[in-house]
Amino acid sequence: MTQKKPMSDAELAAFEASQDFEALLVQSVREMGAATFPQDAASCGPSDVGRKDQAPITPPP
């Protein structure tokens, strides 16, 4: 397996200038499923978010 050499400062600057970091961030958030959190995410703990086999934990009345 061949390894790539690190980019020079000029190559890195050119690469960064060619990237749309806002679009990459939006795409990453979508891929992570940030839009799939329940509307009442505050009513359940972070370990329960995304679990399909349990109903969300609701606070007692």
N, C-alpha and C. Protein backbone atom coordinates (compact mmCIF):
# COMPACT_ATOMS: atom_id res chain seq x y z
N MET A 1 0.84 -1.17 0.00
CA MET A 1 0.00 0.00 0.00
C MET A 1 0.89 1.24 0.00
N THR A 2 0.63 2.14 -0.92
CA THR A 2 1.42 3.36 -0.97
C THR A 2 0.78 4.44 -0.13
N GLN A 3 1.60 5.25 0.48
CA GLN A 3 1.10 6.34 1.30
C GLN A 3 1.25 7.65 0.54
N LYS A 4 0.28 8.53 0.72
CA LYS A 4 0.35 9.84 0.10
C LYS A 4 1.25 10.74 0.92
N LYS A 5 1.95 11.63 0.23
CA LYS A 5 2.74 12.64 0.93
C LYS A 5 1.80 13.71 1.46
N PRO A 6 2.16 14.32 2.58
CA PRO A 6 1.35 15.43 3.06
C PRO A 6 1.35 16.57 2.04
N MET A 7 0.25 17.31 2.01
CA MET A 7 0.17 18.45 1.09
C MET A 7 1.09 19.57 1.56
N SER A 8 1.62 20.29 0.59
CA SER A 8 2.39 21.49 0.94
C SER A 8 1.40 22.57 1.37
N ASP A 9 1.90 23.64 1.93
CA ASP A 9 1.03 24.73 2.36
C ASP A 9 0.25 25.30 1.17
N ALA A 10 0.89 25.42 0.03
CA ALA A 10 0.22 25.96 -1.16
C ALA A 10 -0.86 25.00 -1.65
N GLU A 11 -0.57 23.70 -1.65
CA GLU A 11 -1.56 22.71 -2.08
C GLU A 11 -2.75 22.69 -1.13
N LEU A 12 -2.46 22.78 0.17
CA LEU A 12 -3.53 22.79 1.16
C LEU A 12 -4.41 24.03 0.99
N ALA A 13 -3.81 25.17 0.77
CA ALA A 13 -4.57 26.41 0.58
C ALA A 13 -5.45 26.30 -0.67
N ALA A 14 -4.92 25.72 -1.73
CA ALA A 14 -5.70 25.56 -2.96
C ALA A 14 -6.86 24.58 -2.74
N PHE A 15 -6.60 23.51 -2.02
CA PHE A 15 -7.66 22.53 -1.73
C PHE A 15 -8.77 23.17 -0.89
N GLU A 16 -8.39 23.89 0.17
CA GLU A 16 -9.38 24.52 1.03
C GLU A 16 -10.19 25.56 0.28
N ALA A 17 -9.55 26.28 -0.63
CA ALA A 17 -10.26 27.30 -1.41
C ALA A 17 -11.29 26.68 -2.35
N SER A 18 -11.08 25.43 -2.74
CA SER A 18 -11.99 24.78 -3.67
C SER A 18 -13.16 24.08 -2.97
N GLN A 19 -13.17 24.07 -1.65
CA GLN A 19 -14.21 23.36 -0.90
C GLN A 19 -15.32 24.32 -0.46
N ASP A 20 -16.55 23.83 -0.45
CA ASP A 20 -17.68 24.57 0.09
C ASP A 20 -17.98 23.96 1.46
N PHE A 21 -17.36 24.51 2.49
CA PHE A 21 -17.44 23.90 3.81
C PHE A 21 -18.85 23.97 4.39
N GLU A 22 -19.60 25.00 4.05
CA GLU A 22 -20.98 25.09 4.54
C GLU A 22 -21.81 23.94 3.98
N ALA A 23 -21.68 23.66 2.69
CA ALA A 23 -22.42 22.56 2.08
C ALA A 23 -21.96 21.22 2.65
N LEU A 24 -20.67 21.06 2.89
CA LEU A 24 -20.18 19.81 3.47
C LEU A 24 -20.72 19.61 4.88
N LEU A 25 -20.81 20.69 5.65
CA LEU A 25 -21.34 20.59 7.01
C LEU A 25 -22.82 20.22 6.98
N VAL A 26 -23.59 20.85 6.11
CA VAL A 26 -25.01 20.54 6.00
C VAL A 26 -25.19 19.07 5.61
N GLN A 27 -24.42 18.60 4.65
CA GLN A 27 -24.50 17.20 4.23
C GLN A 27 -24.15 16.27 5.38
N SER A 28 -23.13 16.59 6.15
CA SER A 28 -22.73 15.75 7.27
C SER A 28 -23.82 15.66 8.32
N VAL A 29 -24.45 16.79 8.61
CA VAL A 29 -25.54 16.80 9.59
C VAL A 29 -26.69 15.93 9.11
N ARG A 30 -27.02 16.04 7.83
CA ARG A 30 -28.09 15.20 7.29
C ARG A 30 -27.73 13.73 7.37
N GLU A 31 -26.48 13.39 7.06
CA GLU A 31 -26.06 11.99 7.11
C GLU A 31 -26.08 11.44 8.52
N MET A 32 -25.80 12.27 9.49
CA MET A 32 -25.82 11.80 10.88
C MET A 32 -27.24 11.63 11.39
N GLY A 33 -28.20 12.09 10.63
CA GLY A 33 -29.59 11.91 11.04
C GLY A 33 -30.05 12.90 12.08
N ALA A 34 -29.50 14.10 12.07
CA ALA A 34 -29.89 15.09 13.07
C ALA A 34 -31.36 15.43 12.97
N ALA A 35 -31.96 15.30 11.80
CA ALA A 35 -33.37 15.63 11.63
C ALA A 35 -34.28 14.53 12.13
N THR A 36 -33.76 13.41 12.60
CA THR A 36 -34.60 12.30 13.03
C THR A 36 -34.86 12.29 14.53
N PHE A 37 -34.35 13.28 15.27
CA PHE A 37 -34.62 13.33 16.70
C PHE A 37 -36.09 13.64 16.93
N PRO A 38 -36.68 13.07 17.95
CA PRO A 38 -38.09 13.38 18.22
C PRO A 38 -38.26 14.85 18.58
N GLN A 39 -39.46 15.37 18.33
CA GLN A 39 -39.72 16.78 18.60
C GLN A 39 -39.56 17.08 20.09
N ASP A 40 -39.87 16.13 20.92
CA ASP A 40 -39.75 16.33 22.37
C ASP A 40 -38.49 15.63 22.89
N ALA A 41 -37.37 15.85 22.23
CA ALA A 41 -36.13 15.17 22.61
C ALA A 41 -35.71 15.48 24.03
N ALA A 42 -36.15 16.60 24.56
CA ALA A 42 -35.79 16.95 25.93
C ALA A 42 -36.47 16.05 26.95
N SER A 43 -37.51 15.33 26.52
CA SER A 43 -38.23 14.49 27.46
C SER A 43 -37.59 13.11 27.63
N CYS A 44 -36.51 12.85 26.93
CA CYS A 44 -35.84 11.56 27.08
C CYS A 44 -34.33 11.78 27.14
N GLY A 45 -33.65 10.86 27.75
CA GLY A 45 -32.21 10.99 27.90
C GLY A 45 -31.48 10.71 26.60
N PRO A 46 -30.23 11.14 26.50
CA PRO A 46 -29.48 10.96 25.26
C PRO A 46 -29.27 9.49 24.90
N SER A 47 -29.25 8.62 25.89
CA SER A 47 -29.07 7.20 25.57
C SER A 47 -30.33 6.58 25.01
N ASP A 48 -31.48 7.22 25.22
CA ASP A 48 -32.74 6.68 24.72
C ASP A 48 -33.09 7.22 23.34
N VAL A 49 -32.46 8.29 22.92
CA VAL A 49 -32.76 8.86 21.61
C VAL A 49 -32.32 7.88 20.55
N GLY A 50 -33.21 7.58 19.64
CA GLY A 50 -32.88 6.68 18.56
C GLY A 50 -33.14 5.21 18.84
N ARG A 51 -33.46 4.87 20.07
CA ARG A 51 -33.77 3.47 20.35
C ARG A 51 -35.15 3.16 19.85
N LYS A 52 -35.27 2.13 19.06
CA LYS A 52 -36.55 1.78 18.44
C LYS A 52 -37.36 0.80 19.29
N ASP A 53 -36.70 0.14 20.25
CA ASP A 53 -37.39 -0.89 21.00
C ASP A 53 -38.04 -0.37 22.29
N GLN A 54 -37.92 0.92 22.57
CA GLN A 54 -38.51 1.46 23.78
C GLN A 54 -39.20 2.78 23.47
N ALA A 55 -40.27 3.02 24.20
CA ALA A 55 -40.94 4.31 24.09
C ALA A 55 -40.07 5.34 24.79
N PRO A 56 -40.13 6.60 24.38
CA PRO A 56 -39.34 7.63 25.06
C PRO A 56 -39.75 7.76 26.53
N ILE A 57 -38.80 8.06 27.36
CA ILE A 57 -39.05 8.25 28.77
C ILE A 57 -39.66 9.64 28.95
N THR A 58 -40.79 9.69 29.61
CA THR A 58 -41.42 10.98 29.85
C THR A 58 -41.30 11.31 31.32
N PRO A 59 -41.19 12.59 31.65
CA PRO A 59 -41.05 12.95 33.07
C PRO A 59 -42.35 12.67 33.83
N PRO A 60 -42.27 12.34 35.12
CA PRO A 60 -43.47 12.07 35.89
C PRO A 60 -44.29 13.35 36.04
N PRO A 61 -45.61 13.22 36.21
CA PRO A 61 -46.47 14.42 36.35
C PRO A 61 -46.20 15.19 37.61
